Amino acid sequence: MNARLNRTLIVALAGCVFGGTALFVSADDATPIKPDPAVQDAATASSSSDAHGFVKIFNGKDLTGWTYGGSKGNAGKEGKGYQIENGVLYSTEHDGGNLFTEAEYTDFIFSFDFKLEPNSNNGIGIRSPLEGDPAYVAMEIQVLDDSGSDYKNLRPAQYHGSIYDVFPAKRGSQKPVGEWNHEEINAKGRHVTVKLNGNTIVDANLDDVKDEKVLKKHPGLARGKGHIGLLGHGTRVEFRSMQVKELK
């Protein structure tokens, strides 16, 4: 083997050993050989999924992968829409609206952190279309300051974590206003659970709803697929670490 070929092989082997971000260079002119963009894209997509199968759906920088939804007479976006600061997505008194994932999901776990202010009110739409009120045409998982002075006399299924106006959540797991909470919404077939700070606060079989008036008011209970949405109600609520695991 001549010396020139030997040098080339040594450099190539070094690139294999130290792969990842290493660049292959020619032994003759040391000119970088750019990595294949397709390989880079595949690596990026792979890195967005963690060891448990969760995929980030908010990049902390912009609204890539999200879109506003609404209905006739309601554009869905209020004011400037949702704002982003230091990796946190938030609504305000005047800015927010209904913001949905572009992707649709059937069976999934939606994991996220949220932080409330006094009397904060928002919601998580699941299996939702982009039009209409998700609380009825889909399902809304309530996001609410349960301790708020404005919410002393609500119906049980209007407090935090409830499948709005259908299945009430167990109360008492919410952290004080101003602290971060962690929540997971698990929707698999007709079974929906909500965990707040490690405690199961809703464990619902949608088929248990037999009341014809409720079924007529909430046709979205029958939906098996749709978007995940943040449903602003004119208050500040902060969200971060939003990720989804699709269930098979």
C-alpha atoms as a PDB file:
ATOM      1  CA  MET A   1       0.000   0.000   0.000  1.00  0.00           C
ATOM      2  CA  ASN A   2       1.543   3.368  -0.991  1.00  0.00           C
ATOM      3  CA  ALA A   3       1.940   6.202   1.531  1.00  0.00           C
ATOM      4  CA  ARG A   4      -0.645   8.454  -0.131  1.00  0.00           C
ATOM      5  CA  LEU A   5      -3.422   5.830   0.015  1.00  0.00           C
ATOM      6  CA  ASN A   6      -2.439   4.963   3.575  1.00  0.00           C
ATOM      7  CA  ARG A   7      -2.863   8.597   4.675  1.00  0.00           C
ATOM      8  CA  THR A   8      -6.287   8.785   3.026  1.00  0.00           C
ATOM      9  CA  LEU A   9      -7.519   5.654   4.806  1.00  0.00           C
ATOM     10  CA  ILE A  10      -6.244   6.861   8.179  1.00  0.00           C
ATOM     11  CA  VAL A  11      -8.162  10.127   7.830  1.00  0.00           C
ATOM     12  CA  ALA A  12     -11.309   8.305   6.703  1.00  0.00           C
ATOM     13  CA  LEU A  13     -11.111   5.900   9.646  1.00  0.00           C
ATOM     14  CA  ALA A  14     -10.658   8.796  12.052  1.00  0.00           C
ATOM     15  CA  GLY A  15     -13.849  10.340  10.659  1.00  0.00           C
ATOM     16  CA  CYS A  16     -15.730   7.101  11.316  1.00  0.00           C
ATOM     17  CA  VAL A  17     -14.433   6.802  14.876  1.00  0.00           C
ATOM     18  CA  PHE A  18     -15.198  10.380  15.817  1.00  0.00           C
ATOM     19  CA  GLY A  19     -18.407  10.592  13.650  1.00  0.00           C
ATOM     20  CA  GLY A  20     -21.371  12.833  14.490  1.00  0.00           C
ATOM     21  CA  THR A  21     -20.050  16.325  13.825  1.00  0.00           C
ATOM     22  CA  ALA A  22     -16.697  15.264  12.356  1.00  0.00           C
ATOM     23  CA  LEU A  23     -15.881  16.314   8.803  1.00  0.00           C
ATOM     24  CA  PHE A  24     -14.050  14.022   6.361  1.00  0.00           C
ATOM     25  CA  VAL A  25     -11.071  15.651   4.740  1.00  0.00           C
ATOM     26  CA  SER A  26      -8.883  14.706   1.850  1.00  0.00           C
ATOM     27  CA  ALA A  27      -5.296  13.835   2.763  1.00  0.00           C
ATOM     28  CA  ASP A  28      -4.127  15.905  -0.186  1.00  0.00           C
ATOM     29  CA  ASP A  29      -5.849  19.281   0.154  1.00  0.00           C
ATOM     30  CA  ALA A  30      -7.626  19.063   3.531  1.00  0.00           C
ATOM     31  CA  THR A  31     -10.820  20.384   1.913  1.00  0.00           C
ATOM     32  CA  PRO A  32     -13.908  19.692   4.086  1.00  0.00           C
ATOM     33  CA  ILE A  33     -16.464  17.358   2.544  1.00  0.00           C
ATOM     34  CA  LYS A  34     -19.920  18.563   3.586  1.00  0.00           C
ATOM     35  CA  PRO A  35     -22.201  15.969   5.214  1.00  0.00           C
ATOM     36  CA  ASP A  36     -25.301  14.833   3.353  1.00  0.00           C
ATOM     37  CA  PRO A  37     -28.230  17.201   4.273  1.00  0.00           C
ATOM     38  CA  ALA A  38     -30.618  14.252   4.173  1.00  0.00           C
ATOM     39  CA  VAL A  39     -28.555  12.496   6.832  1.00  0.00           C
ATOM     40  CA  GLN A  40     -28.502  15.654   8.967  1.00  0.00           C
ATOM     41  CA  ASP A  41     -32.305  16.020   8.705  1.00  0.00           C
ATOM     42  CA  ALA A  42     -32.806  12.416   9.752  1.00  0.00           C
ATOM     43  CA  ALA A  43     -30.523  12.890  12.740  1.00  0.00           C
ATOM     44  CA  THR A  44     -32.397  16.038  13.797  1.00  0.00           C
ATOM     45  CA  ALA A  45     -35.764  14.288  13.553  1.00  0.00           C
ATOM     46  CA  SER A  46     -34.435  11.384  15.590  1.00  0.00           C
ATOM     47  CA  SER A  47     -33.063  13.675  18.303  1.00  0.00           C
ATOM     48  CA  SER A  48     -36.480  15.337  18.744  1.00  0.00           C
ATOM     49  CA  SER A  49     -37.852  12.062  20.127  1.00  0.00           C
ATOM     50  CA  ASP A  50     -36.722  11.031  23.602  1.00  0.00           C
ATOM     51  CA  ALA A  51     -36.057   7.527  24.910  1.00  0.00           C
ATOM     52  CA  HIS A  52     -39.724   7.143  25.917  1.00  0.00           C
ATOM     53  CA  GLY A  53     -41.104   8.067  22.501  1.00  0.00           C
ATOM     54  CA  PHE A  54     -42.154  11.642  23.271  1.00  0.00           C
ATOM     55  CA  VAL A  55     -41.692  14.211  20.510  1.00  0.00           C
ATOM     56  CA  LYS A  56     -41.428  17.943  21.162  1.00  0.00           C
ATOM     57  CA  ILE A  57     -44.227  19.887  19.509  1.00  0.00           C
ATOM     58  CA  PHE A  58     -43.072  23.349  20.631  1.00  0.00           C
ATOM     59  CA  ASN A  59     -39.515  24.376  19.781  1.00  0.00           C
ATOM     60  CA  GLY A  60     -39.369  27.220  22.291  1.00  0.00           C
ATOM     61  CA  LYS A  61     -38.621  29.797  19.577  1.00  0.00           C
ATOM     62  CA  ASP A  62     -41.593  30.182  17.237  1.00  0.00           C
ATOM     63  CA  LEU A  63     -44.941  28.669  16.254  1.00  0.00           C
ATOM     64  CA  THR A  64     -43.617  26.201  13.713  1.00  0.00           C
ATOM     65  CA  GLY A  65     -46.084  23.288  13.635  1.00  0.00           C
ATOM     66  CA  TRP A  66     -48.955  25.352  15.074  1.00  0.00           C
ATOM     67  CA  THR A  67     -51.901  27.190  13.530  1.00  0.00           C
ATOM     68  CA  TYR A  68     -54.808  29.294  14.763  1.00  0.00           C
ATOM     69  CA  GLY A  69     -58.324  27.931  14.451  1.00  0.00           C
ATOM     70  CA  GLY A  70     -61.681  29.583  14.896  1.00  0.00           C
ATOM     71  CA  SER A  71     -65.247  29.686  13.745  1.00  0.00           C
ATOM     72  CA  LYS A  72     -67.546  31.973  11.821  1.00  0.00           C
ATOM     73  CA  GLY A  73     -67.254  35.446  13.289  1.00  0.00           C
ATOM     74  CA  ASN A  74     -64.260  34.415  15.404  1.00  0.00           C
ATOM     75  CA  ALA A  75     -60.817  34.480  13.801  1.00  0.00           C
ATOM     76  CA  GLY A  76     -59.358  32.294  16.547  1.00  0.00           C
ATOM     77  CA  LYS A  77     -56.427  34.641  17.172  1.00  0.00           C
ATOM     78  CA  GLU A  78     -56.828  37.354  19.789  1.00  0.00           C
ATOM     79  CA  GLY A  79     -54.627  40.442  19.698  1.00  0.00           C
ATOM     80  CA  LYS A  80     -51.027  39.477  18.923  1.00  0.00           C
ATOM     81  CA  GLY A  81     -51.795  35.840  19.575  1.00  0.00           C
ATOM     82  CA  TYR A  82     -49.667  33.685  21.847  1.00  0.00           C
ATOM     83  CA  GLN A  83     -46.315  35.160  22.815  1.00  0.00           C
ATOM     84  CA  ILE A  84     -42.945  33.456  23.312  1.00  0.00           C
ATOM     85  CA  GLU A  85     -40.236  34.382  25.776  1.00  0.00           C
ATOM     86  CA  ASN A  86     -37.311  32.327  27.099  1.00  0.00           C
ATOM     87  CA  GLY A  87     -38.754  29.087  25.755  1.00  0.00           C
ATOM     88  CA  VAL A  88     -42.192  29.734  27.278  1.00  0.00           C
ATOM     89  CA  LEU A  89     -45.416  30.097  25.278  1.00  0.00           C
ATOM     90  CA  TYR A  90     -48.057  32.252  26.945  1.00  0.00           C
ATOM     91  CA  SER A  91     -51.383  34.013  26.536  1.00  0.00           C
ATOM     92  CA  THR A  92     -52.320  37.333  28.123  1.00  0.00           C
ATOM     93  CA  GLU A  93     -55.496  39.248  28.874  1.00  0.00           C
ATOM     94  CA  HIS A  94     -55.556  40.606  25.321  1.00  0.00           C
ATOM     95  CA  ASP A  95     -53.376  38.177  23.362  1.00  0.00           C
ATOM     96  CA  GLY A  96     -54.044  34.503  22.744  1.00  0.00           C
ATOM     97  CA  GLY A  97     -56.956  32.678  21.171  1.00  0.00           C
ATOM     98  CA  ASN A  98     -57.252  29.080  19.996  1.00  0.00           C
ATOM     99  CA  LEU A  99     -53.888  27.739  18.870  1.00  0.00           C
ATOM    100  CA  PHE A 100     -53.717  24.198  17.481  1.00  0.00           C
ATOM    101  CA  THR A 101     -51.116  21.719  16.383  1.00  0.00           C
ATOM    102  CA  GLU A 102     -51.022  21.364  12.611  1.00  0.00           C
ATOM    103  CA  ALA A 103     -50.807  17.608  13.110  1.00  0.00           C
ATOM    104  CA  GLU A 104     -53.769  15.484  14.160  1.00  0.00           C
ATOM    105  CA  TYR A 105     -53.602  12.753  16.773  1.00  0.00           C
ATOM    106  CA  THR A 106     -55.720   9.710  17.538  1.00  0.00           C
ATOM    107  CA  ASP A 107     -54.315   7.912  20.590  1.00  0.00           C
ATOM    108  CA  PHE A 108     -51.623   9.829  22.454  1.00  0.00           C
ATOM    109  CA  ILE A 109     -50.143  11.210  25.644  1.00  0.00           C
ATOM    110  CA  PHE A 110     -49.774  14.986  25.749  1.00  0.00           C
ATOM    111  CA  SER A 111     -47.217  16.047  28.352  1.00  0.00           C
ATOM    112  CA  PHE A 112     -46.666  19.692  29.324  1.00  0.00           C
ATOM    113  CA  ASP A 113     -45.901  22.166  32.097  1.00  0.00           C
ATOM    114  CA  PHE A 114     -48.099  25.155  32.877  1.00  0.00           C
ATOM    115  CA  LYS A 115     -48.041  28.107  35.260  1.00  0.00           C
ATOM    116  CA  LEU A 116     -51.014  30.166  36.398  1.00  0.00           C
ATOM    117  CA  GLU A 117     -51.688  33.636  37.738  1.00  0.00           C
ATOM    118  CA  PRO A 118     -54.657  34.498  39.972  1.00  0.00           C
ATOM    119  CA  ASN A 119     -57.878  33.652  38.106  1.00  0.00           C
ATOM    120  CA  SER A 120     -56.054  32.213  35.087  1.00  0.00           C
ATOM    121  CA  ASN A 121     -58.259  30.354  32.608  1.00  0.00           C
ATOM    122  CA  ASN A 122     -57.278  28.354  29.524  1.00  0.00           C
ATOM    123  CA  GLY A 123     -57.948  24.881  28.184  1.00  0.00           C
ATOM    124  CA  ILE A 124     -56.480  21.990  26.231  1.00  0.00           C
ATOM    125  CA  GLY A 125     -58.501  20.889  23.235  1.00  0.00           C
ATOM    126  CA  ILE A 126     -58.063  17.247  22.230  1.00  0.00           C
ATOM    127  CA  ARG A 127     -59.148  15.455  19.031  1.00  0.00           C
ATOM    128  CA  SER A 128     -60.416  18.813  17.872  1.00  0.00           C
ATOM    129  CA  PRO A 129     -61.284  20.225  14.466  1.00  0.00           C
ATOM    130  CA  LEU A 130     -59.889  23.673  13.688  1.00  0.00           C
ATOM    131  CA  GLU A 131     -63.339  25.250  13.616  1.00  0.00           C
ATOM    132  CA  GLY A 132     -66.015  25.505  16.272  1.00  0.00           C
ATOM    133  CA  ASP A 133     -65.807  25.547  20.069  1.00  0.00           C
ATOM    134  CA  PRO A 134     -63.559  22.634  21.133  1.00  0.00           C
ATOM    135  CA  ALA A 135     -65.424  22.279  24.436  1.00  0.00           C
ATOM    136  CA  TYR A 136     -68.355  20.940  22.415  1.00  0.00           C
ATOM    137  CA  VAL A 137     -67.173  19.917  18.930  1.00  0.00           C
ATOM    138  CA  ALA A 138     -64.235  18.085  20.556  1.00  0.00           C
ATOM    139  CA  MET A 139     -63.204  17.858  24.212  1.00  0.00           C
ATOM    140  CA  GLU A 140     -61.654  20.555  26.379  1.00  0.00           C
ATOM    141  CA  ILE A 141     -59.527  19.662  29.375  1.00  0.00           C
ATOM    142  CA  GLN A 142     -59.908  22.643  31.680  1.00  0.00           C
ATOM    143  CA  VAL A 143     -56.883  24.720  32.719  1.00  0.00           C
ATOM    144  CA  LEU A 144     -57.935  26.926  35.609  1.00  0.00           C
ATOM    145  CA  ASP A 145     -56.800  28.550  38.823  1.00  0.00           C
ATOM    146  CA  ASP A 146     -59.010  26.480  41.119  1.00  0.00           C
ATOM    147  CA  SER A 147     -58.263  28.880  43.984  1.00  0.00           C
ATOM    148  CA  GLY A 148     -59.311  31.947  41.987  1.00  0.00           C
ATOM    149  CA  SER A 149     -61.818  34.335  43.511  1.00  0.00           C
ATOM    150  CA  ASP A 150     -63.729  34.386  40.226  1.00  0.00           C
ATOM    151  CA  TYR A 151     -64.350  30.641  40.345  1.00  0.00           C
ATOM    152  CA  LYS A 152     -65.870  29.951  43.739  1.00  0.00           C
ATOM    153  CA  ASN A 153     -69.223  28.722  42.471  1.00  0.00           C
ATOM    154  CA  LEU A 154     -68.502  26.656  39.387  1.00  0.00           C
ATOM    155  CA  ARG A 155     -70.017  23.303  38.607  1.00  0.00           C
ATOM    156  CA  PRO A 156     -67.709  20.381  39.545  1.00  0.00           C
ATOM    157  CA  ALA A 157     -66.855  19.594  35.896  1.00  0.00           C
ATOM    158  CA  GLN A 158     -65.655  23.160  35.299  1.00  0.00           C
ATOM    159  CA  TYR A 159     -62.593  23.020  37.553  1.00  0.00           C
ATOM    160  CA  HIS A 160     -59.052  22.287  36.483  1.00  0.00           C
ATOM    161  CA  GLY A 161     -58.416  19.012  34.681  1.00  0.00           C
ATOM    162  CA  SER A 162     -62.071  18.252  34.079  1.00  0.00           C
ATOM    163  CA  ILE A 163     -63.306  17.154  30.675  1.00  0.00           C
ATOM    164  CA  TYR A 164     -65.246  20.362  30.484  1.00  0.00           C
ATOM    165  CA  ASP A 165     -68.817  20.049  31.723  1.00  0.00           C
ATOM    166  CA  VAL A 166     -68.784  16.254  31.348  1.00  0.00           C
ATOM    167  CA  PHE A 167     -66.317  14.529  33.710  1.00  0.00           C
ATOM    168  CA  PRO A 168     -65.252  16.379  36.904  1.00  0.00           C
ATOM    169  CA  ALA A 169     -61.650  16.199  38.064  1.00  0.00           C
ATOM    170  CA  LYS A 170     -60.487  15.455  41.595  1.00  0.00           C
ATOM    171  CA  ARG A 171     -59.235  18.642  43.176  1.00  0.00           C
ATOM    172  CA  GLY A 172     -56.279  19.245  45.451  1.00  0.00           C
ATOM    173  CA  SER A 173     -53.256  18.406  43.252  1.00  0.00           C
ATOM    174  CA  GLN A 174     -52.689  21.866  41.828  1.00  0.00           C
ATOM    175  CA  LYS A 175     -49.629  23.787  43.022  1.00  0.00           C
ATOM    176  CA  PRO A 176     -49.959  27.352  44.317  1.00  0.00           C
ATOM    177  CA  VAL A 177     -50.359  30.119  41.765  1.00  0.00           C
ATOM    178  CA  GLY A 178     -46.988  31.151  40.333  1.00  0.00           C
ATOM    179  CA  GLU A 179     -45.451  27.656  40.479  1.00  0.00           C
ATOM    180  CA  TRP A 180     -44.984  25.278  37.557  1.00  0.00           C
ATOM    181  CA  ASN A 181     -47.332  22.294  37.327  1.00  0.00           C
ATOM    182  CA  HIS A 182     -46.788  19.170  35.225  1.00  0.00           C
ATOM    183  CA  GLU A 183     -49.692  17.487  33.469  1.00  0.00           C
ATOM    184  CA  GLU A 184     -50.236  14.494  31.205  1.00  0.00           C
ATOM    185  CA  ILE A 185     -53.379  13.873  29.172  1.00  0.00           C
ATOM    186  CA  ASN A 186     -53.690  10.300  27.955  1.00  0.00           C
ATOM    187  CA  ALA A 187     -56.297   9.564  25.275  1.00  0.00           C
ATOM    188  CA  LYS A 188     -56.508   5.976  24.054  1.00  0.00           C
ATOM    189  CA  GLY A 189     -59.682   4.911  22.344  1.00  0.00           C
ATOM    190  CA  ARG A 190     -62.612   5.779  24.591  1.00  0.00           C
ATOM    191  CA  HIS A 191     -60.424   6.044  27.699  1.00  0.00           C
ATOM    192  CA  VAL A 192     -59.136   9.451  28.786  1.00  0.00           C
ATOM    193  CA  THR A 193     -57.012  10.078  31.868  1.00  0.00           C
ATOM    194  CA  VAL A 194     -55.519  13.263  33.240  1.00  0.00           C
ATOM    195  CA  LYS A 195     -52.550  13.274  35.618  1.00  0.00           C
ATOM    196  CA  LEU A 196     -51.611  16.440  37.479  1.00  0.00           C
ATOM    197  CA  ASN A 197     -48.285  16.542  39.314  1.00  0.00           C
ATOM    198  CA  GLY A 198     -48.222  12.746  39.394  1.00  0.00           C
ATOM    199  CA  ASN A 199     -51.799  12.275  40.619  1.00  0.00           C
ATOM    200  CA  THR A 200     -54.606  10.893  38.461  1.00  0.00           C
ATOM    201  CA  ILE A 201     -57.410  13.443  38.635  1.00  0.00           C
ATOM    202  CA  VAL A 202     -59.581  12.127  35.779  1.00  0.00           C
ATOM    203  CA  ASP A 203     -60.083   8.519  34.722  1.00  0.00           C
ATOM    204  CA  ALA A 204     -62.944   8.528  32.252  1.00  0.00           C
ATOM    205  CA  ASN A 205     -64.587   6.066  29.908  1.00  0.00           C
ATOM    206  CA  LEU A 206     -66.360   8.207  27.339  1.00  0.00           C
ATOM    207  CA  ASP A 207     -68.845   5.425  26.720  1.00  0.00           C
ATOM    208  CA  ASP A 208     -70.140   5.924  30.259  1.00  0.00           C
ATOM    209  CA  VAL A 209     -71.911   9.078  29.089  1.00  0.00           C
ATOM    210  CA  LYS A 210     -75.491   7.982  28.470  1.00  0.00           C
ATOM    211  CA  ASP A 211     -77.418  11.207  29.034  1.00  0.00           C
ATOM    212  CA  GLU A 212     -78.879  12.199  25.661  1.00  0.00           C
ATOM    213  CA  LYS A 213     -78.800  15.900  26.544  1.00  0.00           C
ATOM    214  CA  VAL A 214     -75.069  15.733  27.315  1.00  0.00           C
ATOM    215  CA  LEU A 215     -74.333  13.761  24.150  1.00  0.00           C
ATOM    216  CA  LYS A 216     -76.289  16.243  22.056  1.00  0.00           C
ATOM    217  CA  LYS A 217     -74.493  19.204  23.653  1.00  0.00           C
ATOM    218  CA  HIS A 218     -71.067  17.539  23.302  1.00  0.00           C
ATOM    219  CA  PRO A 219     -70.969  15.723  19.947  1.00  0.00           C
ATOM    220  CA  GLY A 220     -67.177  15.945  20.115  1.00  0.00           C
ATOM    221  CA  LEU A 221     -67.149  13.091  22.620  1.00  0.00           C
ATOM    222  CA  ALA A 222     -67.570  10.803  19.621  1.00  0.00           C
ATOM    223  CA  ARG A 223     -64.493  12.085  17.775  1.00  0.00           C
ATOM    224  CA  GLY A 224     -61.570   9.708  17.486  1.00  0.00           C
ATOM    225  CA  LYS A 225     -58.990  12.006  15.915  1.00  0.00           C
ATOM    226  CA  GLY A 226     -58.072  15.675  15.763  1.00  0.00           C
ATOM    227  CA  HIS A 227     -55.761  18.485  16.776  1.00  0.00           C
ATOM    228  CA  ILE A 228     -54.400  19.398  20.195  1.00  0.00           C
ATOM    229  CA  GLY A 229     -55.138  23.016  21.062  1.00  0.00           C
ATOM    230  CA  LEU A 230     -54.450  25.738  23.601  1.00  0.00           C
ATOM    231  CA  LEU A 231     -57.736  27.521  24.264  1.00  0.00           C
ATOM    232  CA  GLY A 232     -57.194  30.997  25.654  1.00  0.00           C
ATOM    233  CA  HIS A 233     -59.821  32.780  27.723  1.00  0.00           C
ATOM    234  CA  GLY A 234     -58.385  36.272  28.171  1.00  0.00           C
ATOM    235  CA  THR A 235     -55.905  35.596  30.997  1.00  0.00           C
ATOM    236  CA  ARG A 236     -52.197  34.878  31.296  1.00  0.00           C
ATOM    237  CA  VAL A 237     -51.261  31.212  31.286  1.00  0.00           C
ATOM    238  CA  GLU A 238     -47.737  29.976  30.543  1.00  0.00           C
ATOM    239  CA  PHE A 239     -46.809  26.697  28.833  1.00  0.00           C
ATOM    240  CA  ARG A 240     -43.499  24.931  28.297  1.00  0.00           C
ATOM    241  CA  SER A 241     -42.028  21.453  27.626  1.00  0.00           C
ATOM    242  CA  MET A 242     -44.925  20.450  25.382  1.00  0.00           C
ATOM    243  CA  GLN A 243     -44.465  17.018  23.850  1.00  0.00           C
ATOM    244  CA  VAL A 244     -46.580  14.178  22.478  1.00  0.00           C
ATOM    245  CA  LYS A 245     -46.196  10.420  22.433  1.00  0.00           C
ATOM    246  CA  GLU A 246     -48.400   8.648  19.907  1.00  0.00           C
ATOM    247  CA  LEU A 247     -49.823   5.367  21.175  1.00  0.00           C
ATOM    248  CA  LYS A 248     -50.134   2.269  19.021  1.00  0.00           C
END
